[in-house]
Amino acid sequence: MKEIKIPELAESITEGTIAEWLVKEGDKVEKGDPVVELETDKVNVEVNSDYAGVITEIVQGEGEDVEVGDIIAKLDENGEAGADTSSNEEPKEEKQEDVKEEPKEDKKKEEATVENTEEASKKDQNDDKKGDVIASPAARKRARELGIDLSTVSSRDPLGRIRPEDVDAAAKDTSEKKESKPAKKEAPKTEEKTEFDKPVERVKMSRRRQTIAKRLVEVQHEAAMLTTFNEVDLTNVMKLRSERKEKFIDKHGVKLGFMSFFTKAVVGALKEFPLLNAEIQGNELVLKKFYDIGIAVSTDDGLVVPVVRDADRLDFAGVEREIGNLGKKARDKKLAMEDLQGGSFTITNGGTFGSMLSTPILNAPQVGILGMHNIQKRAMVMPDDTIEVRPMMYLALSYDHRIVDGKEAVQFLVRVKQLLEDPYDLLLEG
């Protein structure tokens, strides 16, 4: 008997929650086959079997919290798929009964021989008013013990005769349906009343939501976070997108979206203000010479921030393609640990949900995050004092004041604004 354990996942991950079993007891698996999906603080990962064989016992059900090294299932390397995973002594005795035992309730069949057992079983079935089901005496006894209706049992016998093992299989299927493969623990919901006699409901937070909550609070306690604001006129960005839209798709196979403009503008500004691309380690500043830009993505399980690697080396199509791939992986819960680690700066777009203005929270240990917002047409006074309707967006830069002074933060945001308002050079450079 072999044990399937939670393996080492990543340096920063030591525990998780069983999200979904991909196999059930009695299933045959090969070495390397995924057997369970584990929800961790950052991503969902699949745990593979280190052995080939049959799953004999699932030790930890869905919803259970587990740690690295915990036993979650047991496996028999010599087992057969679909076999009863409990002790098989009783079924062996019952197979003997299939030949020797005579049903006690039917006195007329006491002299029946082994050769006419099937005929006797038919008569017994009629006596029990079970229809035309053919079952051995031992199968009838087993069905009574387990409370199984023989008319619902499928036979594996070529002649259609039901045997004890068929009854056991039916009982097992019924039990698994009731337990929902195996007993999935949903977030407990309890209804209660407040002191004002008003109804409320309590729901356990998912592991990822607990981690998000914990880290956001830690950031506000540990960082000296401030936010500065500006607004950007996106007239030229929208014009450029309209001019190049069809050619861009034909040439690169992806759409020219807004995120590539903002990503390239951020990279350009980070090169001029490197402290926004740094972090604190002890009493030292670590100035990063790379530009791995995190793009915040909202999923059903909470916010995740996959990273576009070396964004400075990618052209606009490369950025759009990478953002699209990461977004799809996030929605499909296919992000790997390496997709989330090592970012140097983050961009979050609350505008997709209609946000007009917000103060984004730092993604520690990073010291800067840019918040995008909804595009709104507003009347703007032009340099010649005329008034025009322009597509405007508020930008918000949150930064760690321990590293970045207000002057640098404001200048960084102004530089992002300038690059977006004159994007033609930006597109040529990218």
Protein backbone atom coordinates (compact mmCIF):
# COMPACT_ATOMS: atom_id res chain seq x y z
CA MET A 1 0.00 0.00 0.00
CA LYS A 2 1.42 3.38 -1.05
CA GLU A 3 0.56 6.83 0.29
CA ILE A 4 -0.08 9.93 -1.81
CA LYS A 5 1.20 13.00 0.04
CA ILE A 6 1.18 16.75 -0.51
CA PRO A 7 4.55 17.48 -2.15
CA GLU A 8 6.76 20.52 -1.83
CA LEU A 9 4.93 23.16 -3.88
CA ALA A 10 7.04 26.31 -3.80
CA GLU A 11 9.35 28.07 -1.39
CA SER A 12 6.60 30.34 -0.04
CA ILE A 13 3.76 27.78 -0.03
CA THR A 14 3.46 25.21 2.76
CA GLU A 15 -0.28 24.57 2.91
CA GLY A 16 -3.45 24.62 0.88
CA THR A 17 -7.06 23.51 0.64
CA ILE A 18 -8.32 20.54 -1.37
CA ALA A 19 -10.44 22.16 -4.06
CA GLU A 20 -11.46 19.10 -6.10
CA TRP A 21 -10.63 15.41 -6.31
CA LEU A 22 -9.96 14.39 -9.92
CA VAL A 23 -10.30 10.67 -9.09
CA LYS A 24 -12.43 8.57 -6.76
CA GLU A 25 -11.87 5.42 -4.75
CA GLY A 26 -11.52 2.42 -7.07
CA ASP A 27 -10.05 4.45 -9.95
CA LYS A 28 -6.84 3.28 -11.58
CA VAL A 29 -4.12 5.89 -12.05
CA GLU A 30 -0.73 5.89 -13.73
CA LYS A 31 2.42 7.41 -12.30
CA GLY A 32 2.33 11.16 -12.89
CA ASP A 33 -1.46 11.35 -13.33
CA PRO A 34 -3.10 14.35 -11.58
CA VAL A 35 -5.31 13.14 -8.72
CA VAL A 36 -6.37 16.28 -6.88
CA GLU A 37 -6.56 20.06 -7.40
CA LEU A 38 -5.16 22.06 -4.50
CA GLU A 39 -6.07 25.68 -3.79
CA THR A 40 -3.12 27.63 -2.41
CA ASP A 41 -2.69 31.25 -1.41
CA LYS A 42 -1.84 32.25 -4.97
CA VAL A 43 -2.92 29.65 -7.53
CA ASN A 44 -4.60 26.29 -7.90
CA VAL A 45 -2.13 23.46 -8.52
CA GLU A 46 -2.57 19.81 -9.39
CA VAL A 47 -0.98 17.09 -7.25
CA ASN A 48 0.19 14.07 -9.22
CA SER A 49 0.48 10.45 -8.14
CA ASP A 50 4.01 9.14 -7.60
CA TYR A 51 2.82 5.58 -8.20
CA ALA A 52 0.67 3.52 -10.57
CA GLY A 53 -2.19 1.56 -9.08
CA VAL A 54 -5.73 1.82 -7.73
CA ILE A 55 -6.95 4.47 -5.30
CA THR A 56 -8.12 2.50 -2.26
CA GLU A 57 -8.85 5.35 0.15
CA ILE A 58 -9.28 9.11 -0.03
CA VAL A 59 -8.09 10.37 3.34
CA GLN A 60 -8.80 14.10 2.98
CA GLY A 61 -12.08 15.30 1.46
CA GLU A 62 -12.72 18.42 -0.58
CA GLY A 63 -12.57 21.57 1.52
CA GLU A 64 -10.02 20.11 3.97
CA ASP A 65 -6.92 22.17 4.81
CA VAL A 66 -3.68 20.25 4.27
CA GLU A 67 0.03 20.90 4.66
CA VAL A 68 3.12 19.72 2.81
CA GLY A 69 3.74 16.09 3.76
CA ASP A 70 0.13 15.29 4.72
CA ILE A 71 -1.28 11.98 3.48
CA ILE A 72 -4.30 12.64 1.26
CA ALA A 73 -4.93 9.21 -0.29
CA LYS A 74 -3.78 5.59 -0.33
CA LEU A 75 -3.01 3.49 -3.38
CA ASP A 76 -2.66 -0.25 -4.06
CA GLU A 77 -0.07 -0.94 -6.73
CA ASN A 78 -1.55 -4.41 -7.33
CA GLY A 79 -5.20 -3.39 -7.19
CA GLU A 80 -7.73 -3.64 -10.00
CA ALA A 81 -9.85 -0.72 -11.15
CA GLY A 82 -13.44 -0.87 -9.93
CA ALA A 83 -12.66 -3.47 -7.25
CA ASP A 84 -14.25 -3.14 -3.82
CA THR A 85 -11.71 -1.21 -1.74
CA SER A 86 -12.94 -2.67 1.56
CA SER A 87 -12.03 -6.12 2.92
CA ASN A 88 -12.91 -8.78 0.35
CA GLU A 89 -13.37 -11.70 2.70
CA GLU A 90 -17.15 -11.42 2.85
CA PRO A 91 -17.64 -11.29 -0.93
CA LYS A 92 -15.58 -14.51 -1.18
CA GLU A 93 -17.93 -16.24 1.25
CA GLU A 94 -20.90 -14.95 -0.67
CA LYS A 95 -19.53 -16.36 -3.93
CA GLN A 96 -19.56 -19.73 -2.23
CA GLU A 97 -23.12 -19.06 -1.15
CA ASP A 98 -23.89 -18.49 -4.81
CA VAL A 99 -23.51 -22.27 -5.18
CA LYS A 100 -24.43 -23.63 -1.76
CA GLU A 101 -26.92 -21.33 -0.07
CA GLU A 102 -30.63 -21.77 -0.68
CA PRO A 103 -33.08 -18.95 0.03
CA LYS A 104 -34.64 -19.57 3.44
CA GLU A 105 -37.91 -17.76 2.65
CA ASP A 106 -38.89 -20.13 -0.19
CA LYS A 107 -39.51 -23.66 1.15
CA LYS A 108 -40.33 -25.02 -2.34
CA LYS A 109 -36.73 -24.56 -3.50
CA GLU A 110 -34.99 -26.58 -0.78
CA GLU A 111 -34.25 -29.48 -3.17
CA ALA A 112 -32.99 -27.24 -5.99
CA THR A 113 -29.60 -28.28 -7.35
CA VAL A 114 -26.69 -26.10 -8.45
CA GLU A 115 -27.71 -26.69 -12.08
CA ASN A 116 -31.17 -25.14 -11.73
CA THR A 117 -30.16 -22.20 -9.54
CA GLU A 118 -30.96 -19.67 -12.23
CA GLU A 119 -34.49 -21.05 -12.66
CA ALA A 120 -35.00 -21.04 -8.89
CA SER A 121 -33.79 -17.48 -8.78
CA LYS A 122 -36.37 -16.47 -11.38
CA LYS A 123 -39.16 -17.94 -9.31
CA ASP A 124 -37.83 -16.30 -6.17
CA GLN A 125 -37.70 -13.01 -8.01
CA ASN A 126 -41.34 -13.36 -8.98
CA ASP A 127 -42.23 -14.22 -5.39
CA ASP A 128 -40.54 -11.02 -4.27
CA LYS A 129 -42.45 -9.13 -7.00
CA LYS A 130 -39.20 -7.69 -8.42
CA GLY A 131 -40.13 -8.23 -12.08
CA ASP A 132 -37.94 -10.27 -14.43
CA VAL A 133 -34.61 -9.63 -12.65
CA ILE A 134 -32.35 -12.70 -12.49
CA ALA A 135 -30.23 -12.81 -9.34
CA SER A 136 -28.33 -15.48 -7.43
CA PRO A 137 -29.48 -16.31 -3.89
CA ALA A 138 -26.32 -14.74 -2.45
CA ALA A 139 -27.04 -11.55 -4.42
CA ARG A 140 -30.57 -11.41 -2.97
CA LYS A 141 -29.20 -11.77 0.54
CA ARG A 142 -26.64 -9.05 -0.07
CA ALA A 143 -29.31 -6.74 -1.54
CA ARG A 144 -31.49 -7.19 1.56
CA GLU A 145 -28.55 -6.43 3.85
CA LEU A 146 -27.68 -3.24 1.97
CA GLY A 147 -31.25 -2.15 1.23
CA ILE A 148 -30.66 -2.21 -2.54
CA ASP A 149 -33.51 -2.64 -5.05
CA LEU A 150 -32.36 -5.41 -7.40
CA SER A 151 -34.24 -3.84 -10.29
CA THR A 152 -31.77 -0.91 -10.16
CA VAL A 153 -28.65 -3.12 -10.25
CA SER A 154 -26.66 -3.54 -13.46
CA SER A 155 -25.20 -6.98 -14.18
CA ARG A 156 -21.77 -7.66 -15.59
CA ASP A 157 -22.70 -11.29 -16.35
CA PRO A 158 -23.16 -11.97 -20.12
CA LEU A 159 -26.42 -13.77 -19.29
CA GLY A 160 -27.68 -10.82 -17.28
CA ARG A 161 -27.56 -12.59 -13.92
CA ILE A 162 -26.96 -10.38 -10.88
CA ARG A 163 -24.23 -11.53 -8.49
CA PRO A 164 -23.11 -10.19 -5.07
CA GLU A 165 -20.34 -8.07 -6.56
CA ASP A 166 -22.91 -6.31 -8.76
CA VAL A 167 -24.94 -5.45 -5.67
CA ASP A 168 -21.83 -4.14 -3.90
CA ALA A 169 -20.99 -1.96 -6.91
CA ALA A 170 -24.52 -0.53 -6.96
CA ALA A 171 -24.36 0.21 -3.24
CA LYS A 172 -21.04 1.95 -3.69
CA ASP A 173 -22.36 4.11 -6.57
CA THR A 174 -25.37 5.11 -4.49
CA SER A 175 -23.14 6.04 -1.57
CA GLU A 176 -20.82 8.11 -3.77
CA LYS A 177 -23.73 10.04 -5.26
CA LYS A 178 -24.97 10.90 -1.80
CA GLU A 179 -21.51 11.97 -0.66
CA SER A 180 -20.79 13.93 -3.88
CA LYS A 181 -17.39 12.44 -4.72
CA PRO A 182 -16.27 12.38 -1.77
CA ALA A 183 -18.15 14.56 0.75
CA LYS A 184 -17.29 18.01 -0.51
CA LYS A 185 -17.13 20.57 2.22
CA GLU A 186 -18.72 23.78 1.09
CA ALA A 187 -18.11 27.02 2.90
CA PRO A 188 -20.29 26.68 6.01
CA LYS A 189 -23.32 28.93 5.88
CA THR A 190 -25.12 29.71 9.07
CA GLU A 191 -28.04 32.00 9.50
CA GLU A 192 -28.47 33.95 12.69
CA LYS A 193 -29.98 37.15 14.01
CA THR A 194 -28.28 40.35 15.09
CA GLU A 195 -29.01 42.13 18.33
CA PHE A 196 -31.65 44.06 16.39
CA ASP A 197 -33.27 40.78 15.30
CA LYS A 198 -32.08 41.20 11.69
CA PRO A 199 -31.08 38.12 9.64
CA VAL A 200 -27.45 37.63 8.62
CA GLU A 201 -25.47 34.82 7.02
CA ARG A 202 -21.93 33.68 7.86
CA VAL A 203 -19.78 32.18 5.06
CA LYS A 204 -16.23 30.93 5.56
CA MET A 205 -13.67 32.88 3.52
CA SER A 206 -11.71 30.95 0.92
CA ARG A 207 -8.01 30.46 1.53
CA ARG A 208 -7.14 32.91 -1.25
CA ARG A 209 -9.49 35.58 0.08
CA GLN A 210 -7.99 35.17 3.57
CA THR A 211 -4.50 35.62 2.14
CA ILE A 212 -5.51 38.67 0.12
CA ALA A 213 -7.05 40.24 3.22
CA LYS A 214 -3.99 39.49 5.35
CA ARG A 215 -1.48 40.88 2.87
CA LEU A 216 -3.41 44.05 2.13
CA VAL A 217 -3.55 44.84 5.83
CA GLU A 218 0.16 44.06 6.19
CA VAL A 219 1.02 46.49 3.38
CA GLN A 220 -0.86 49.31 5.06
CA HIS A 221 0.89 48.60 8.35
CA GLU A 222 4.41 48.23 6.94
CA ALA A 223 4.56 50.73 4.06
CA ALA A 224 4.26 54.51 4.19
CA MET A 225 1.73 54.52 1.36
CA LEU A 226 0.60 57.69 -0.38
CA THR A 227 -1.33 58.28 -3.60
CA THR A 228 -0.96 61.05 -6.16
CA PHE A 229 -3.42 61.73 -8.99
CA ASN A 230 -3.42 63.14 -12.48
CA GLU A 231 -5.58 62.95 -15.58
CA VAL A 232 -4.68 61.96 -19.11
CA ASP A 233 -6.24 62.92 -22.42
CA LEU A 234 -6.56 59.72 -24.46
CA THR A 235 -7.58 61.40 -27.72
CA ASN A 236 -4.39 60.45 -29.54
CA VAL A 237 -4.31 56.92 -28.15
CA MET A 238 -7.85 56.31 -29.35
CA LYS A 239 -7.08 57.89 -32.72
CA LEU A 240 -3.97 55.79 -33.15
CA ARG A 241 -5.83 52.61 -32.22
CA SER A 242 -8.52 53.44 -34.76
CA GLU A 243 -5.94 54.11 -37.51
CA ARG A 244 -3.89 50.98 -36.90
CA LYS A 245 -6.59 48.58 -35.69
CA GLU A 246 -7.12 46.53 -38.86
CA LYS A 247 -3.47 46.47 -39.95
CA PHE A 248 -2.36 45.53 -36.46
CA ILE A 249 -4.71 42.55 -36.34
CA ASP A 250 -3.74 41.42 -39.84
CA LYS A 251 -0.04 41.63 -39.05
CA HIS A 252 0.08 40.34 -35.48
CA GLY A 253 -3.13 38.37 -34.95
CA VAL A 254 -4.05 40.32 -31.79
CA LYS A 255 -5.99 43.50 -31.10
CA LEU A 256 -4.24 46.75 -30.23
CA GLY A 257 -5.71 47.47 -26.80
CA PHE A 258 -5.17 50.11 -24.15
CA MET A 259 -3.03 47.98 -21.83
CA SER A 260 -0.04 47.85 -24.18
CA PHE A 261 0.05 51.68 -24.29
CA PHE A 262 -0.05 51.94 -20.51
CA THR A 263 2.51 49.16 -20.06
CA LYS A 264 4.99 50.77 -22.45
CA ALA A 265 4.39 54.22 -20.92
CA VAL A 266 5.06 52.81 -17.44
CA VAL A 267 8.28 51.14 -18.60
CA GLY A 268 9.44 54.43 -20.16
CA ALA A 269 8.74 56.34 -16.95
CA LEU A 270 10.40 53.67 -14.76
CA LYS A 271 13.61 54.05 -16.74
CA GLU A 272 13.64 57.75 -15.86
CA PHE A 273 12.61 57.25 -12.21
CA PRO A 274 14.25 53.97 -11.12
CA LEU A 275 13.22 54.24 -7.44
CA LEU A 276 9.68 53.32 -8.52
CA ASN A 277 11.18 50.05 -9.76
CA ALA A 278 12.92 49.18 -6.49
CA GLU A 279 12.16 47.53 -3.15
CA ILE A 280 13.41 47.56 0.43
CA GLN A 281 15.32 44.58 1.83
CA GLY A 282 16.39 45.21 5.40
CA ASN A 283 18.36 48.44 5.40
CA GLU A 284 19.17 48.28 1.68
CA LEU A 285 17.45 49.44 -1.50
CA VAL A 286 17.33 46.91 -4.32
CA LEU A 287 17.26 48.79 -7.64
CA LYS A 288 15.92 46.43 -10.28
CA LYS A 289 17.44 46.53 -13.74
CA PHE A 290 14.56 44.65 -15.33
CA TYR A 291 10.94 45.57 -16.05
CA ASP A 292 8.55 42.77 -15.11
CA ILE A 293 5.15 44.44 -15.03
CA GLY A 294 2.33 42.87 -13.03
CA ILE A 295 -1.15 43.19 -14.54
CA ALA A 296 -3.92 42.83 -11.94
CA VAL A 297 -6.67 40.44 -13.07
CA SER A 298 -9.97 39.93 -11.28
CA THR A 299 -11.19 36.32 -11.07
CA ASP A 300 -14.04 34.57 -9.30
CA ASP A 301 -11.58 33.56 -6.56
CA GLY A 302 -10.15 37.04 -6.05
CA LEU A 303 -7.50 39.34 -7.47
CA VAL A 304 -4.33 37.84 -8.96
CA VAL A 305 -1.37 39.66 -10.52
CA PRO A 306 0.35 37.68 -13.28
CA VAL A 307 3.57 39.19 -14.56
CA VAL A 308 4.55 40.27 -18.09
CA ARG A 309 8.26 39.44 -18.16
CA ASP A 310 10.78 41.83 -19.71
CA ALA A 311 8.08 44.20 -20.93
CA ASP A 312 10.78 46.59 -22.13
CA ARG A 313 11.94 44.02 -24.69
CA LEU A 314 8.47 43.30 -26.06
CA ASP A 315 6.79 45.26 -28.82
CA PHE A 316 3.13 46.29 -28.56
CA ALA A 317 1.96 43.03 -30.09
CA GLY A 318 4.12 41.04 -27.69
CA VAL A 319 2.67 42.88 -24.69
CA GLU A 320 -0.92 42.42 -25.92
CA ARG A 321 -0.33 38.74 -26.63
CA GLU A 322 1.24 38.11 -23.23
CA ILE A 323 -1.50 39.97 -21.36
CA GLY A 324 -4.13 38.00 -23.27
CA ASN A 325 -2.48 34.67 -22.48
CA LEU A 326 -2.08 35.48 -18.79
CA GLY A 327 -5.66 36.73 -18.53
CA LYS A 328 -7.00 33.52 -20.04
CA LYS A 329 -4.86 31.38 -17.75
CA ALA A 330 -6.12 33.36 -14.75
CA ARG A 331 -9.77 32.88 -15.70
CA ASP A 332 -9.20 29.17 -16.40
CA LYS A 333 -7.29 28.76 -13.10
CA LYS A 334 -4.22 27.60 -15.00
CA LEU A 335 -1.70 30.13 -13.69
CA ALA A 336 1.55 28.62 -12.47
CA MET A 337 3.63 29.94 -9.60
CA GLU A 338 6.21 31.40 -11.97
CA ASP A 339 3.47 33.48 -13.62
CA LEU A 340 2.95 35.38 -10.35
CA GLN A 341 6.42 35.81 -8.90
CA GLY A 342 9.01 38.52 -9.26
CA GLY A 343 7.08 41.52 -10.58
CA SER A 344 8.74 44.94 -10.22
CA PHE A 345 5.72 47.27 -10.72
CA THR A 346 1.95 46.73 -11.06
CA ILE A 347 -0.85 48.18 -13.19
CA THR A 348 -4.48 47.74 -12.16
CA ASN A 349 -7.47 48.76 -14.27
CA GLY A 350 -10.53 49.54 -12.18
CA GLY A 351 -12.04 51.27 -15.19
CA THR A 352 -13.20 47.94 -16.60
CA PHE A 353 -15.74 47.88 -13.75
CA GLY A 354 -16.71 51.54 -14.11
CA SER A 355 -14.44 53.04 -11.44
CA MET A 356 -13.94 56.78 -11.84
CA LEU A 357 -11.28 57.24 -9.15
CA SER A 358 -9.59 55.05 -6.53
CA THR A 359 -6.44 54.64 -4.46
CA PRO A 360 -4.82 51.31 -5.36
CA ILE A 361 -2.97 49.39 -2.62
CA LEU A 362 0.66 48.43 -3.15
CA ASN A 363 1.52 44.90 -4.22
CA ALA A 364 4.33 44.25 -1.72
CA PRO A 365 7.29 44.21 -1.87
CA GLN A 366 6.85 46.55 -4.86
CA VAL A 367 6.84 50.27 -4.11
CA GLY A 368 4.59 51.51 -6.91
CA ILE A 369 1.26 50.69 -8.51
CA LEU A 370 -0.59 52.59 -11.24
CA GLY A 371 -4.38 52.69 -11.17
CA MET A 372 -6.31 53.17 -14.42
CA HIS A 373 -9.94 54.26 -14.39
CA ASN A 374 -12.99 54.76 -16.54
CA ILE A 375 -12.71 56.84 -19.72
CA GLN A 376 -15.19 59.70 -19.65
CA LYS A 377 -15.84 62.42 -22.17
CA ARG A 378 -15.42 65.79 -20.51
CA ALA A 379 -15.31 69.41 -21.63
CA MET A 380 -11.68 70.50 -21.53
CA VAL A 381 -10.13 73.95 -22.00
CA MET A 382 -7.52 73.79 -24.76
CA PRO A 383 -4.27 75.85 -24.86
CA ASP A 384 -5.97 78.36 -27.18
CA ASP A 385 -8.82 78.76 -24.64
CA THR A 386 -11.30 76.88 -26.81
CA ILE A 387 -13.41 74.15 -25.23
CA GLU A 388 -13.43 70.63 -26.65
CA VAL A 389 -14.95 67.35 -25.55
CA ARG A 390 -12.11 64.93 -24.85
CA PRO A 391 -11.90 61.28 -23.63
CA MET A 392 -10.29 61.70 -20.21
CA MET A 393 -9.06 59.20 -17.63
CA TYR A 394 -7.97 59.77 -14.05
CA LEU A 395 -4.66 58.10 -13.14
CA ALA A 396 -3.65 57.21 -9.59
CA LEU A 397 -0.14 56.32 -8.48
CA SER A 398 0.24 54.77 -5.04
CA TYR A 399 3.82 54.63 -3.80
CA ASP A 400 5.90 53.82 -0.74
CA HIS A 401 7.06 57.11 0.75
CA ARG A 402 9.95 55.34 2.52
CA ILE A 403 11.70 55.10 -0.85
CA VAL A 404 9.93 57.52 -3.16
CA ASP A 405 9.57 61.20 -2.38
CA GLY A 406 6.51 63.14 -3.46
CA LYS A 407 8.44 65.03 -6.13
CA GLU A 408 9.56 61.83 -7.85
CA ALA A 409 6.10 60.29 -7.64
CA VAL A 410 4.45 63.34 -9.20
CA GLN A 411 7.09 63.57 -11.94
CA PHE A 412 6.73 59.86 -12.68
CA LEU A 413 2.98 60.20 -13.15
CA VAL A 414 3.40 63.33 -15.28
CA ARG A 415 5.83 61.39 -17.50
CA VAL A 416 3.31 58.56 -17.93
CA LYS A 417 0.71 61.19 -18.88
CA GLN A 418 3.05 62.77 -21.45
CA LEU A 419 3.88 59.46 -23.09
CA LEU A 420 0.20 58.55 -23.38
CA GLU A 421 -0.81 61.93 -24.80
CA ASP A 422 1.87 61.66 -27.52
CA PRO A 423 1.82 57.91 -28.22
CA TYR A 424 3.16 57.86 -31.78
CA ASP A 425 6.79 57.88 -30.68
CA LEU A 426 5.89 55.35 -28.01
CA LEU A 427 4.48 52.98 -30.63
CA LEU A 428 7.51 53.41 -32.87
CA GLU A 429 9.89 52.76 -29.98
CA GLY A 430 7.86 49.72 -28.85
